[in-house]
């Protein structure tokens, strides 16, 4: 399956005092990438909740930080579906600057009922 690609710009509030992206903000970038990937697959969060009373939540997450992103960098979040189960989805999300891998996020989503 072709990865979904979502563009992200690093803003001042994403960085620490040295202009480097704060580690927790990679999770925010990944969340935006996941949300847009699901929307493009025809599963927007709002519709899933309103129509079916269901939502996805993160069950498990692992992040490897490989290189820093900096203020004003243009990044891409690539989201790849690794496996789909009855109520789970396993994803890999790569945060890239051009072709440089900055962070890799591996996670499992579970489907829950409101």
PDB file of N, CA and C in Angstrom:
ATOM      1  N   UNK A   1       0.839  -1.180   0.000  1.00  0.00           N
ATOM      2  CA  UNK A   1       0.000   0.000   0.000  1.00  0.00           C
ATOM      3  C   UNK A   1       0.884   1.244   0.000  1.00  0.00           C
ATOM      4  N   UNK A   2       0.511   2.218  -0.798  1.00  0.00           N
ATOM      5  CA  UNK A   2       1.252   3.472  -0.892  1.00  0.00           C
ATOM      6  C   UNK A   2       1.036   4.299   0.372  1.00  0.00           C
ATOM      7  N   UNK A   3       2.105   4.827   0.955  1.00  0.00           N
ATOM      8  CA  UNK A   3       1.936   5.648   2.165  1.00  0.00           C
ATOM      9  C   UNK A   3       1.155   6.924   1.869  1.00  0.00           C
ATOM     10  N   UNK A   4       0.375   7.355   2.849  1.00  0.00           N
ATOM     11  CA  UNK A   4      -0.284   8.658   2.776  1.00  0.00           C
ATOM     12  C   UNK A   4       0.743   9.704   3.181  1.00  0.00           C
ATOM     13  N   UNK A   5       0.773  10.826   2.490  1.00  0.00           N
ATOM     14  CA  UNK A   5       1.746  11.885   2.776  1.00  0.00           C
ATOM     15  C   UNK A   5       1.004  13.149   3.213  1.00  0.00           C
ATOM     16  N   UNK A   6       1.463  13.718   4.332  1.00  0.00           N
ATOM     17  CA  UNK A   6       0.862  14.944   4.863  1.00  0.00           C
ATOM     18  C   UNK A   6       1.974  15.940   5.185  1.00  0.00           C
ATOM     19  N   UNK A   7       1.861  17.139   4.647  1.00  0.00           N
ATOM     20  CA  UNK A   7       2.864  18.186   4.856  1.00  0.00           C
ATOM     21  C   UNK A   7       2.635  18.901   6.183  1.00  0.00           C
ATOM     22  N   UNK A   8       3.734  19.180   6.881  1.00  0.00           N
ATOM     23  CA  UNK A   8       3.708  19.896   8.156  1.00  0.00           C
ATOM     24  C   UNK A   8       4.839  20.916   8.140  1.00  0.00           C
ATOM     25  N   UNK A   9       4.564  22.124   8.590  1.00  0.00           N
ATOM     26  CA  UNK A   9       5.589  23.149   8.752  1.00  0.00           C
ATOM     27  C   UNK A   9       5.904  23.278  10.233  1.00  0.00           C
ATOM     28  N   UNK A  10       7.177  23.412  10.583  1.00  0.00           N
ATOM     29  CA  UNK A  10       7.581  23.592  11.986  1.00  0.00           C
ATOM     30  C   UNK A  10       7.463  25.071  12.335  1.00  0.00           C
ATOM     31  N   UNK A  11       6.610  25.353  13.315  1.00  0.00           N
ATOM     32  CA  UNK A  11       6.408  26.715  13.797  1.00  0.00           C
ATOM     33  C   UNK A  11       7.165  26.942  15.104  1.00  0.00           C
ATOM     34  N   UNK A  12       7.264  28.193  15.467  1.00  0.00           N
ATOM     35  CA  UNK A  12       7.996  28.574  16.679  1.00  0.00           C
ATOM     36  C   UNK A  12       7.506  27.801  17.906  1.00  0.00           C
ATOM     37  N   UNK A  13       6.174  27.657  18.038  1.00  0.00           N
ATOM     38  CA  UNK A  13       5.639  26.995  19.232  1.00  0.00           C
ATOM     39  C   UNK A  13       5.873  25.484  19.229  1.00  0.00           C
ATOM     40  N   UNK A  14       6.403  24.922  18.135  1.00  0.00           N
ATOM     41  CA  UNK A  14       6.767  23.510  18.086  1.00  0.00           C
ATOM     42  C   UNK A  14       8.168  23.252  18.641  1.00  0.00           C
ATOM     43  N   UNK A  15       8.923  24.324  18.884  1.00  0.00           N
ATOM     44  CA  UNK A  15      10.343  24.182  19.200  1.00  0.00           C
ATOM     45  C   UNK A  15      10.666  24.544  20.649  1.00  0.00           C
ATOM     46  N   UNK A  16      11.864  24.118  21.051  1.00  0.00           N
ATOM     47  CA  UNK A  16      12.382  24.502  22.365  1.00  0.00           C
ATOM     48  C   UNK A  16      13.184  25.792  22.209  1.00  0.00           C
ATOM     49  N   UNK A  17      13.890  26.199  23.246  1.00  0.00           N
ATOM     50  CA  UNK A  17      14.646  27.453  23.225  1.00  0.00           C
ATOM     51  C   UNK A  17      15.761  27.461  22.183  1.00  0.00           C
ATOM     52  N   UNK A  18      16.204  26.274  21.758  1.00  0.00           N
ATOM     53  CA  UNK A  18      17.267  26.181  20.767  1.00  0.00           C
ATOM     54  C   UNK A  18      16.771  26.074  19.331  1.00  0.00           C
ATOM     55  N   UNK A  19      15.445  26.164  19.136  1.00  0.00           N
ATOM     56  CA  UNK A  19      14.898  26.084  17.788  1.00  0.00           C
ATOM     57  C   UNK A  19      14.750  24.659  17.269  1.00  0.00           C
ATOM     58  N   UNK A  20      14.862  23.681  18.164  1.00  0.00           N
ATOM     59  CA  UNK A  20      14.717  22.259  17.812  1.00  0.00           C
ATOM     60  C   UNK A  20      13.304  21.812  18.199  1.00  0.00           C
ATOM     61  N   UNK A  21      12.672  20.978  17.367  1.00  0.00           N
ATOM     62  CA  UNK A  21      11.330  20.492  17.686  1.00  0.00           C
ATOM     63  C   UNK A  21      11.361  19.707  18.994  1.00  0.00           C
ATOM     64  N   UNK A  22      10.484  20.089  19.897  1.00  0.00           N
ATOM     65  CA  UNK A  22      10.323  19.417  21.190  1.00  0.00           C
ATOM     66  C   UNK A  22       9.803  18.010  20.925  1.00  0.00           C
ATOM     67  N   UNK A  23      10.336  17.028  21.646  1.00  0.00           N
ATOM     68  CA  UNK A  23      10.071  15.620  21.334  1.00  0.00           C
ATOM     69  C   UNK A  23       8.581  15.255  21.278  1.00  0.00           C
ATOM     70  N   UNK A  24       7.769  15.799  22.160  1.00  0.00           N
ATOM     71  CA  UNK A  24       6.343  15.452  22.192  1.00  0.00           C
ATOM     72  C   UNK A  24       5.591  15.972  20.966  1.00  0.00           C
ATOM     73  N   UNK A  25       6.135  16.978  20.309  1.00  0.00           N
ATOM     74  CA  UNK A  25       5.443  17.537  19.148  1.00  0.00           C
ATOM     75  C   UNK A  25       5.473  16.610  17.940  1.00  0.00           C
ATOM     76  N   UNK A  26       6.397  15.662  17.919  1.00  0.00           N
ATOM     77  CA  UNK A  26       6.364  14.655  16.850  1.00  0.00           C
ATOM     78  C   UNK A  26       5.069  13.848  16.933  1.00  0.00           C
ATOM     79  N   UNK A  27       4.563  13.646  18.151  1.00  0.00           N
ATOM     80  CA  UNK A  27       3.294  12.942  18.318  1.00  0.00           C
ATOM     81  C   UNK A  27       2.140  13.771  17.751  1.00  0.00           C
ATOM     82  N   UNK A  28       2.206  15.079  17.905  1.00  0.00           N
ATOM     83  CA  UNK A  28       1.192  15.959  17.316  1.00  0.00           C
ATOM     84  C   UNK A  28       1.242  15.896  15.796  1.00  0.00           C
ATOM     85  N   UNK A  29       2.447  15.917  15.237  1.00  0.00           N
ATOM     86  CA  UNK A  29       2.586  15.813  13.778  1.00  0.00           C
ATOM     87  C   UNK A  29       2.009  14.484  13.289  1.00  0.00           C
ATOM     88  N   UNK A  30       2.315  13.404  14.025  1.00  0.00           N
ATOM     89  CA  UNK A  30       1.817  12.080  13.642  1.00  0.00           C
ATOM     90  C   UNK A  30       0.292  12.037  13.728  1.00  0.00           C
ATOM     91  N   UNK A  31      -0.286  12.653  14.755  1.00  0.00           N
ATOM     92  CA  UNK A  31      -1.741  12.681  14.906  1.00  0.00           C
ATOM     93  C   UNK A  31      -2.388  13.383  13.707  1.00  0.00           C
ATOM     94  N   UNK A  32      -1.823  14.489  13.291  1.00  0.00           N
ATOM     95  CA  UNK A  32      -2.366  15.197  12.117  1.00  0.00           C
ATOM     96  C   UNK A  32      -2.270  14.327  10.874  1.00  0.00           C
ATOM     97  N   UNK A  33      -1.133  13.669  10.702  1.00  0.00           N
ATOM     98  CA  UNK A  33      -0.957  12.781   9.555  1.00  0.00           C
ATOM     99  C   UNK A  33      -1.945  11.630   9.566  1.00  0.00           C
ATOM    100  N   UNK A  34      -2.179  11.030  10.737  1.00  0.00           N
ATOM    101  CA  UNK A  34      -3.157   9.927  10.864  1.00  0.00           C
ATOM    102  C   UNK A  34      -4.560  10.404  10.554  1.00  0.00           C
ATOM    103  N   UNK A  35      -4.922  11.548  11.095  1.00  0.00           N
ATOM    104  CA  UNK A  35      -6.265  12.089  10.878  1.00  0.00           C
ATOM    105  C   UNK A  35      -6.516  12.314   9.395  1.00  0.00           C
ATOM    106  N   UNK A  36      -5.539  12.894   8.706  1.00  0.00           N
ATOM    107  CA  UNK A  36      -5.708  13.145   7.273  1.00  0.00           C
ATOM    108  C   UNK A  36      -5.687  11.850   6.463  1.00  0.00           C
ATOM    109  N   UNK A  37      -4.894  10.874   6.880  1.00  0.00           N
ATOM    110  CA  UNK A  37      -4.874   9.578   6.190  1.00  0.00           C
ATOM    111  C   UNK A  37      -6.236   8.903   6.310  1.00  0.00           C
ATOM    112  N   UNK A  38      -6.813   8.912   7.512  1.00  0.00           N
ATOM    113  CA  UNK A  38      -8.132   8.317   7.716  1.00  0.00           C
ATOM    114  C   UNK A  38      -9.197   9.063   6.902  1.00  0.00           C
ATOM    115  N   UNK A  39      -9.108  10.387   6.871  1.00  0.00           N
ATOM    116  CA  UNK A  39     -10.054  11.190   6.091  1.00  0.00           C
ATOM    117  C   UNK A  39      -9.968  10.812   4.607  1.00  0.00           C
ATOM    118  N   UNK A  40      -8.753  10.674   4.093  1.00  0.00           N
ATOM    119  CA  UNK A  40      -8.572  10.325   2.683  1.00  0.00           C
ATOM    120  C   UNK A  40      -9.026   8.900   2.371  1.00  0.00           C
ATOM    121  N   UNK A  41      -9.069   8.029   3.393  1.00  0.00           N
ATOM    122  CA  UNK A  41      -9.566   6.666   3.209  1.00  0.00           C
ATOM    123  C   UNK A  41     -11.083   6.606   3.372  1.00  0.00           C
ATOM    124  N   UNK A  42     -11.717   7.756   3.612  1.00  0.00           N
ATOM    125  CA  UNK A  42     -13.167   7.789   3.766  1.00  0.00           C
ATOM    126  C   UNK A  42     -13.650   7.494   5.166  1.00  0.00           C
ATOM    127  N   UNK A  43     -12.767   7.662   6.160  1.00  0.00           N
ATOM    128  CA  UNK A  43     -13.119   7.383   7.549  1.00  0.00           C
ATOM    129  C   UNK A  43     -12.798   8.603   8.424  1.00  0.00           C
ATOM    130  N   UNK A  44     -13.426   9.762   8.154  1.00  0.00           N
ATOM    131  CA  UNK A  44     -13.154  10.915   9.020  1.00  0.00           C
ATOM    132  C   UNK A  44     -13.692  10.670  10.433  1.00  0.00           C
ATOM    133  N   UNK A  45     -12.947  11.138  11.424  1.00  0.00           N
ATOM    134  CA  UNK A  45     -13.322  10.927  12.827  1.00  0.00           C
ATOM    135  C   UNK A  45     -14.754  11.373  13.126  1.00  0.00           C
ATOM    136  N   UNK A  46     -15.115  12.571  12.681  1.00  0.00           N
ATOM    137  CA  UNK A  46     -16.435  13.118  13.015  1.00  0.00           C
ATOM    138  C   UNK A  46     -17.555  12.237  12.473  1.00  0.00           C
ATOM    139  N   UNK A  47     -17.416  11.764  11.241  1.00  0.00           N
ATOM    140  CA  UNK A  47     -18.449  10.900  10.650  1.00  0.00           C
ATOM    141  C   UNK A  47     -18.516   9.556  11.358  1.00  0.00           C
ATOM    142  N   UNK A  48     -17.361   8.999  11.672  1.00  0.00           N
ATOM    143  CA  UNK A  48     -17.315   7.701  12.346  1.00  0.00           C
ATOM    144  C   UNK A  48     -18.048   7.774  13.690  1.00  0.00           C
ATOM    145  N   UNK A  49     -17.841   8.866  14.390  1.00  0.00           N
ATOM    146  CA  UNK A  49     -18.482   9.044  15.694  1.00  0.00           C
ATOM    147  C   UNK A  49     -19.978   9.330  15.536  1.00  0.00           C
ATOM    148  N   UNK A  50     -20.320  10.271  14.663  1.00  0.00           N
ATOM    149  CA  UNK A  50     -21.721  10.667  14.500  1.00  0.00           C
ATOM    150  C   UNK A  50     -22.576   9.545  13.923  1.00  0.00           C
ATOM    151  N   UNK A  51     -22.067   8.837  12.930  1.00  0.00           N
ATOM    152  CA  UNK A  51     -22.864   7.826  12.236  1.00  0.00           C
ATOM    153  C   UNK A  51     -22.871   6.468  12.933  1.00  0.00           C
ATOM    154  N   UNK A  52     -21.759   6.124  13.572  1.00  0.00           N
ATOM    155  CA  UNK A  52     -21.627   4.769  14.104  1.00  0.00           C
ATOM    156  C   UNK A  52     -21.344   4.711  15.607  1.00  0.00           C
ATOM    157  N   UNK A  53     -21.087   5.863  16.233  1.00  0.00           N
ATOM    158  CA  UNK A  53     -20.766   5.870  17.659  1.00  0.00           C
ATOM    159  C   UNK A  53     -19.419   5.244  17.965  1.00  0.00           C
ATOM    160  N   UNK A  54     -18.512   5.255  16.983  1.00  0.00           N
ATOM    161  CA  UNK A  54     -17.186   4.638  17.128  1.00  0.00           C
ATOM    162  C   UNK A  54     -16.090   5.685  17.007  1.00  0.00           C
ATOM    163  N   UNK A  55     -14.929   5.364  17.570  1.00  0.00           N
ATOM    164  CA  UNK A  55     -13.764   6.233  17.420  1.00  0.00           C
ATOM    165  C   UNK A  55     -12.503   5.389  17.573  1.00  0.00           C
ATOM    166  N   UNK A  56     -11.396   5.904  17.049  1.00  0.00           N
ATOM    167  CA  UNK A  56     -10.096   5.252  17.216  1.00  0.00           C
ATOM    168  C   UNK A  56      -9.343   5.911  18.365  1.00  0.00           C
ATOM    169  N   UNK A  57      -8.635   5.086  19.130  1.00  0.00           N
ATOM    170  CA  UNK A  57      -7.746   5.612  20.159  1.00  0.00           C
ATOM    171  C   UNK A  57      -6.428   4.849  20.100  1.00  0.00           C
ATOM    172  N   UNK A  58      -5.372   5.491  20.529  1.00  0.00           N
ATOM    173  CA  UNK A  58      -4.052   4.865  20.520  1.00  0.00           C
ATOM    174  C   UNK A  58      -3.970   3.886  21.678  1.00  0.00           C
ATOM    175  N   UNK A  59      -3.627   2.646  21.362  1.00  0.00           N
ATOM    176  CA  UNK A  59      -3.435   1.622  22.391  1.00  0.00           C
ATOM    177  C   UNK A  59      -1.970   1.541  22.799  1.00  0.00           C
ATOM    178  N   UNK A  60      -1.100   1.618  21.796  1.00  0.00           N
ATOM    179  CA  UNK A  60       0.339   1.477  22.054  1.00  0.00           C
ATOM    180  C   UNK A  60       1.069   2.353  21.040  1.00  0.00           C
ATOM    181  N   UNK A  61       2.188   2.927  21.495  1.00  0.00           N
ATOM    182  CA  UNK A  61       2.972   3.788  20.602  1.00  0.00           C
ATOM    183  C   UNK A  61       4.455   3.681  20.958  1.00  0.00           C
ATOM    184  N   UNK A  62       5.286   3.700  19.939  1.00  0.00           N
ATOM    185  CA  UNK A  62       6.746   3.678  20.106  1.00  0.00           C
ATOM    186  C   UNK A  62       7.312   4.729  19.154  1.00  0.00           C
ATOM    187  N   UNK A  63       8.229   5.540  19.656  1.00  0.00           N
ATOM    188  CA  UNK A  63       8.844   6.581  18.828  1.00  0.00           C
ATOM    189  C   UNK A  63      10.354   6.441  18.875  1.00  0.00           C
ATOM    190  N   UNK A  64      10.972   6.417  17.703  1.00  0.00           N
ATOM    191  CA  UNK A  64      12.429   6.481  17.594  1.00  0.00           C
ATOM    192  C   UNK A  64      12.779   7.835  17.001  1.00  0.00           C
ATOM    193  N   UNK A  65      13.577   8.612  17.733  1.00  0.00           N
ATOM    194  CA  UNK A  65      14.031   9.923  17.280  1.00  0.00           C
ATOM    195  C   UNK A  65      15.403   9.746  16.648  1.00  0.00           C
ATOM    196  N   UNK A  66      15.540  10.124  15.384  1.00  0.00           N
ATOM    197  CA  UNK A  66      16.767   9.833  14.643  1.00  0.00           C
ATOM    198  C   UNK A  66      17.577  11.078  14.289  1.00  0.00           C
ATOM    199  N   UNK A  67      16.899  12.194  14.047  1.00  0.00           N
ATOM    200  CA  UNK A  67      17.572  13.451  13.711  1.00  0.00           C
ATOM    201  C   UNK A  67      16.617  14.593  14.056  1.00  0.00           C
ATOM    202  N   UNK A  68      17.155  15.774  14.372  1.00  0.00           N
ATOM    203  CA  UNK A  68      16.282  16.874  14.795  1.00  0.00           C
ATOM    204  C   UNK A  68      15.606  17.594  13.625  1.00  0.00           C
ATOM    205  N   UNK A  69      14.379  18.022  13.874  1.00  0.00           N
ATOM    206  CA  UNK A  69      13.711  18.975  12.991  1.00  0.00           C
ATOM    207  C   UNK A  69      13.886  20.352  13.626  1.00  0.00           C
ATOM    208  N   UNK A  70      13.925  21.369  12.787  1.00  0.00           N
ATOM    209  CA  UNK A  70      14.207  22.723  13.266  1.00  0.00           C
ATOM    210  C   UNK A  70      13.128  23.711  12.820  1.00  0.00           C
ATOM    211  N   UNK A  71      13.140  24.853  13.488  1.00  0.00           N
ATOM    212  CA  UNK A  71      12.216  25.932  13.182  1.00  0.00           C
ATOM    213  C   UNK A  71      12.155  26.187  11.678  1.00  0.00           C
ATOM    214  N   UNK A  72      10.948  26.256  11.132  1.00  0.00           N
ATOM    215  CA  UNK A  72      10.631  26.568   9.736  1.00  0.00           C
ATOM    216  C   UNK A  72      10.897  25.425   8.761  1.00  0.00           C
ATOM    217  N   UNK A  73      11.315  24.248   9.258  1.00  0.00           N
ATOM    218  CA  UNK A  73      11.468  23.096   8.363  1.00  0.00           C
ATOM    219  C   UNK A  73      10.118  22.724   7.757  1.00  0.00           C
ATOM    220  N   UNK A  74      10.170  22.262   6.531  1.00  0.00           N
ATOM    221  CA  UNK A  74       9.005  21.684   5.875  1.00  0.00           C
ATOM    222  C   UNK A  74       9.148  20.170   5.972  1.00  0.00           C
ATOM    223  N   UNK A  75       8.194  19.530   6.641  1.00  0.00           N
ATOM    224  CA  UNK A  75       8.265  18.099   6.902  1.00  0.00           C
ATOM    225  C   UNK A  75       7.135  17.370   6.185  1.00  0.00           C
ATOM    226  N   UNK A  76       7.319  16.076   6.026  1.00  0.00           N
ATOM    227  CA  UNK A  76       6.287  15.189   5.505  1.00  0.00           C
ATOM    228  C   UNK A  76       6.077  14.081   6.530  1.00  0.00           C
ATOM    229  N   UNK A  77       4.814  13.801   6.841  1.00  0.00           N
ATOM    230  CA  UNK A  77       4.469  12.652   7.669  1.00  0.00           C
ATOM    231  C   UNK A  77       3.900  11.597   6.723  1.00  0.00           C
ATOM    232  N   UNK A  78       4.623  10.490   6.593  1.00  0.00           N
ATOM    233  CA  UNK A  78       4.165   9.372   5.773  1.00  0.00           C
ATOM    234  C   UNK A  78       3.523   8.325   6.674  1.00  0.00           C
ATOM    235  N   UNK A  79       2.270   8.008   6.406  1.00  0.00           N
ATOM    236  CA  UNK A  79       1.532   7.029   7.198  1.00  0.00           C
ATOM    237  C   UNK A  79       1.308   5.784   6.364  1.00  0.00           C
ATOM    238  N   UNK A  80       1.776   4.653   6.875  1.00  0.00           N
ATOM    239  CA  UNK A  80       1.647   3.367   6.194  1.00  0.00           C
ATOM    240  C   UNK A  80       0.867   2.408   7.077  1.00  0.00           C
ATOM    241  N   UNK A  81      -0.162   1.783   6.506  1.00  0.00           N
ATOM    242  CA  UNK A  81      -0.918   0.761   7.220  1.00  0.00           C
ATOM    243  C   UNK A  81      -0.140  -0.541   7.157  1.00  0.00           C
ATOM    244  N   UNK A  82       0.152  -1.109   8.321  1.00  0.00           N
ATOM    245  CA  UNK A  82       0.896  -2.362   8.398  1.00  0.00           C
ATOM    246  C   UNK A  82      -0.024  -3.572   8.521  1.00  0.00           C
ATOM    247  N   UNK A  83      -1.103  -3.435   9.300  1.00  0.00           N
ATOM    248  CA  UNK A  83      -2.025  -4.554   9.500  1.00  0.00           C
ATOM    249  C   UNK A  83      -3.372  -4.007   9.960  1.00  0.00           C
ATOM    250  N   UNK A  84      -4.433  -4.703   9.569  1.00  0.00           N
ATOM    251  CA  UNK A  84      -5.785  -4.363   9.988  1.00  0.00           C
ATOM    252  C   UNK A  84      -6.413  -5.608  10.582  1.00  0.00           C
ATOM    253  N   UNK A  85      -6.882  -5.482  11.829  1.00  0.00           N
ATOM    254  CA  UNK A  85      -7.558  -6.593  12.499  1.00  0.00           C
ATOM    255  C   UNK A  85      -9.030  -6.285  12.653  1.00  0.00           C
ATOM    256  N   UNK A  86      -9.732  -7.100  13.434  1.00  0.00           N
ATOM    257  CA  UNK A  86     -11.160  -6.902  13.643  1.00  0.00           C
ATOM    258  C   UNK A  86     -11.484  -5.557  14.267  1.00  0.00           C
ATOM    259  N   UNK A  87     -10.680  -5.101  15.211  1.00  0.00           N
ATOM    260  CA  UNK A  87     -10.912  -3.813  15.883  1.00  0.00           C
ATOM    261  C   UNK A  87      -9.616  -3.038  16.065  1.00  0.00           C
ATOM    262  N   UNK A  88      -8.562  -3.413  15.317  1.00  0.00           N
ATOM    263  CA  UNK A  88      -7.261  -2.748  15.460  1.00  0.00           C
ATOM    264  C   UNK A  88      -6.683  -2.376  14.101  1.00  0.00           C
ATOM    265  N   UNK A  89      -5.822  -1.369  14.122  1.00  0.00           N
ATOM    266  CA  UNK A  89      -5.047  -0.966  12.949  1.00  0.00           C
ATOM    267  C   UNK A  89      -3.632  -0.688  13.426  1.00  0.00           C
ATOM    268  N   UNK A  90      -2.642  -1.334  12.803  1.00  0.00           N
ATOM    269  CA  UNK A  90      -1.233  -1.084  13.100  1.00  0.00           C
ATOM    270  C   UNK A  90      -0.673  -0.181  12.010  1.00  0.00           C
ATOM    271  N   UNK A  91      -0.012   0.897  12.434  1.00  0.00           N
ATOM    272  CA  UNK A  91       0.522   1.892  11.508  1.00  0.00           C
ATOM    273  C   UNK A  91       1.991   2.169  11.781  1.00  0.00           C
ATOM    274  N   UNK A  92       2.688   2.609  10.727  1.00  0.00           N
ATOM    275  CA  UNK A  92       4.027   3.187  10.866  1.00  0.00           C
ATOM    276  C   UNK A  92       3.928   4.582  10.279  1.00  0.00           C
ATOM    277  N   UNK A  93       4.491   5.549  10.999  1.00  0.00           N
ATOM    278  CA  UNK A  93       4.511   6.922  10.515  1.00  0.00           C
ATOM    279  C   UNK A  93       5.942   7.429  10.546  1.00  0.00           C
ATOM    280  N   UNK A  94       6.418   7.834   9.382  1.00  0.00           N
ATOM    281  CA  UNK A  94       7.759   8.390   9.264  1.00  0.00           C
ATOM    282  C   UNK A  94       7.655   9.896   9.103  1.00  0.00           C
ATOM    283  N   UNK A  95       8.434  10.621   9.892  1.00  0.00           N
ATOM    284  CA  UNK A  95       8.519  12.072   9.778  1.00  0.00           C
ATOM    285  C   UNK A  95       9.820  12.368   9.044  1.00  0.00           C
ATOM    286  N   UNK A  96       9.701  13.005   7.877  1.00  0.00           N
ATOM    287  CA  UNK A  96      10.850  13.232   7.001  1.00  0.00           C
ATOM    288  C   UNK A  96      11.042  14.713   6.698  1.00  0.00           C
ATOM    289  N   UNK A  97      12.283  15.093   6.522  1.00  0.00           N
ATOM    290  CA  UNK A  97      12.639  16.383   5.941  1.00  0.00           C
ATOM    291  C   UNK A  97      13.347  16.023   4.643  1.00  0.00           C
ATOM    292  N   UNK A  98      12.733  16.327   3.527  1.00  0.00           N
ATOM    293  CA  UNK A  98      13.196  15.841   2.225  1.00  0.00           C
ATOM    294  C   UNK A  98      13.249  14.313   2.286  1.00  0.00           C
ATOM    295  N   UNK A  99      14.425  13.728   2.153  1.00  0.00           N
ATOM    296  CA  UNK A  99      14.531  12.261   2.225  1.00  0.00           C
ATOM    297  C   UNK A  99      15.140  11.783   3.540  1.00  0.00           C
ATOM    298  N   UNK A 100      15.384  12.709   4.468  1.00  0.00           N
ATOM    299  CA  UNK A 100      16.011  12.367   5.751  1.00  0.00           C
ATOM    300  C   UNK A 100      14.937  11.949   6.756  1.00  0.00           C
ATOM    301  N   UNK A 101      15.056  10.728   7.282  1.00  0.00           N
ATOM    302  CA  UNK A 101      14.139  10.236   8.294  1.00  0.00           C
ATOM    303  C   UNK A 101      14.504  10.846   9.645  1.00  0.00           C
ATOM    304  N   UNK A 102      13.575  11.621  10.213  1.00  0.00           N
ATOM    305  CA  UNK A 102      13.812  12.301  11.483  1.00  0.00           C
ATOM    306  C   UNK A 102      13.262  11.504  12.666  1.00  0.00           C
ATOM    307  N   UNK A 103      12.100  10.906  12.469  1.00  0.00           N
ATOM    308  CA  UNK A 103      11.467  10.135  13.549  1.00  0.00           C
ATOM    309  C   UNK A 103      10.592   9.055  12.926  1.00  0.00           C
ATOM    310  N   UNK A 104      10.521   7.924  13.615  1.00  0.00           N
ATOM    311  CA  UNK A 104       9.633   6.829  13.198  1.00  0.00           C
ATOM    312  C   UNK A 104       8.696   6.526  14.365  1.00  0.00           C
ATOM    313  N   UNK A 105       7.410   6.538  14.057  1.00  0.00           N
ATOM    314  CA  UNK A 105       6.370   6.262  15.037  1.00  0.00           C
ATOM    315  C   UNK A 105       5.684   4.961  14.624  1.00  0.00           C
ATOM    316  N   UNK A 106       5.636   4.004  15.537  1.00  0.00           N
ATOM    317  CA  UNK A 106       4.901   2.765  15.298  1.00  0.00           C
ATOM    318  C   UNK A 106       3.806   2.695  16.348  1.00  0.00           C
ATOM    319  N   UNK A 107       2.564   2.438  15.911  1.00  0.00           N
ATOM    320  CA  UNK A 107       1.469   2.455  16.847  1.00  0.00           C
ATOM    321  C   UNK A 107       0.367   1.497  16.465  1.00  0.00           C
ATOM    322  N   UNK A 108      -0.465   1.226  17.453  1.00  0.00           N
ATOM    323  CA  UNK A 108      -1.675   0.448  17.224  1.00  0.00           C
ATOM    324  C   UNK A 108      -2.865   1.270  17.675  1.00  0.00           C
ATOM    325  N   UNK A 109      -3.850   1.381  16.776  1.00  0.00           N
ATOM    326  CA  UNK A 109      -5.117   2.003  17.097  1.00  0.00           C
ATOM    327  C   UNK A 109      -6.138   0.919  17.407  1.00  0.00           C
ATOM    328  N   UNK A 110      -7.032   1.201  18.337  1.00  0.00           N
ATOM    329  CA  UNK A 110      -8.152   0.302  18.600  1.00  0.00           C
ATOM    330  C   UNK A 110      -9.432   1.092  18.403  1.00  0.00           C
ATOM    331  N   UNK A 111     -10.448   0.404  17.987  1.00  0.00           N
ATOM    332  CA  UNK A 111     -11.739   1.015  17.755  1.00  0.00           C
ATOM    333  C   UNK A 111     -12.571   0.870  19.014  1.00  0.00           C
ATOM    334  N   UNK A 112     -13.124   1.967  19.496  1.00  0.00           N
ATOM    335  CA  UNK A 112     -13.944   1.958  20.689  1.00  0.00           C
ATOM    336  C   UNK A 112     -15.326   2.518  20.414  1.00  0.00           C
ATOM    337  N   UNK A 113     -16.237   2.264  21.320  1.00  0.00           N
ATOM    338  CA  UNK A 113     -17.606   2.748  21.201  1.00  0.00           C
ATOM    339  C   UNK A 113     -17.822   3.838  22.242  1.00  0.00           C
ATOM    340  N   UNK A 114     -18.548   4.864  21.830  1.00  0.00           N
ATOM    341  CA  UNK A 114     -18.851   5.980  22.749  1.00  0.00           C
ATOM    342  C   UNK A 114     -19.812   5.514  23.807  1.00  0.00           C
TER     343      UNK A 114
END
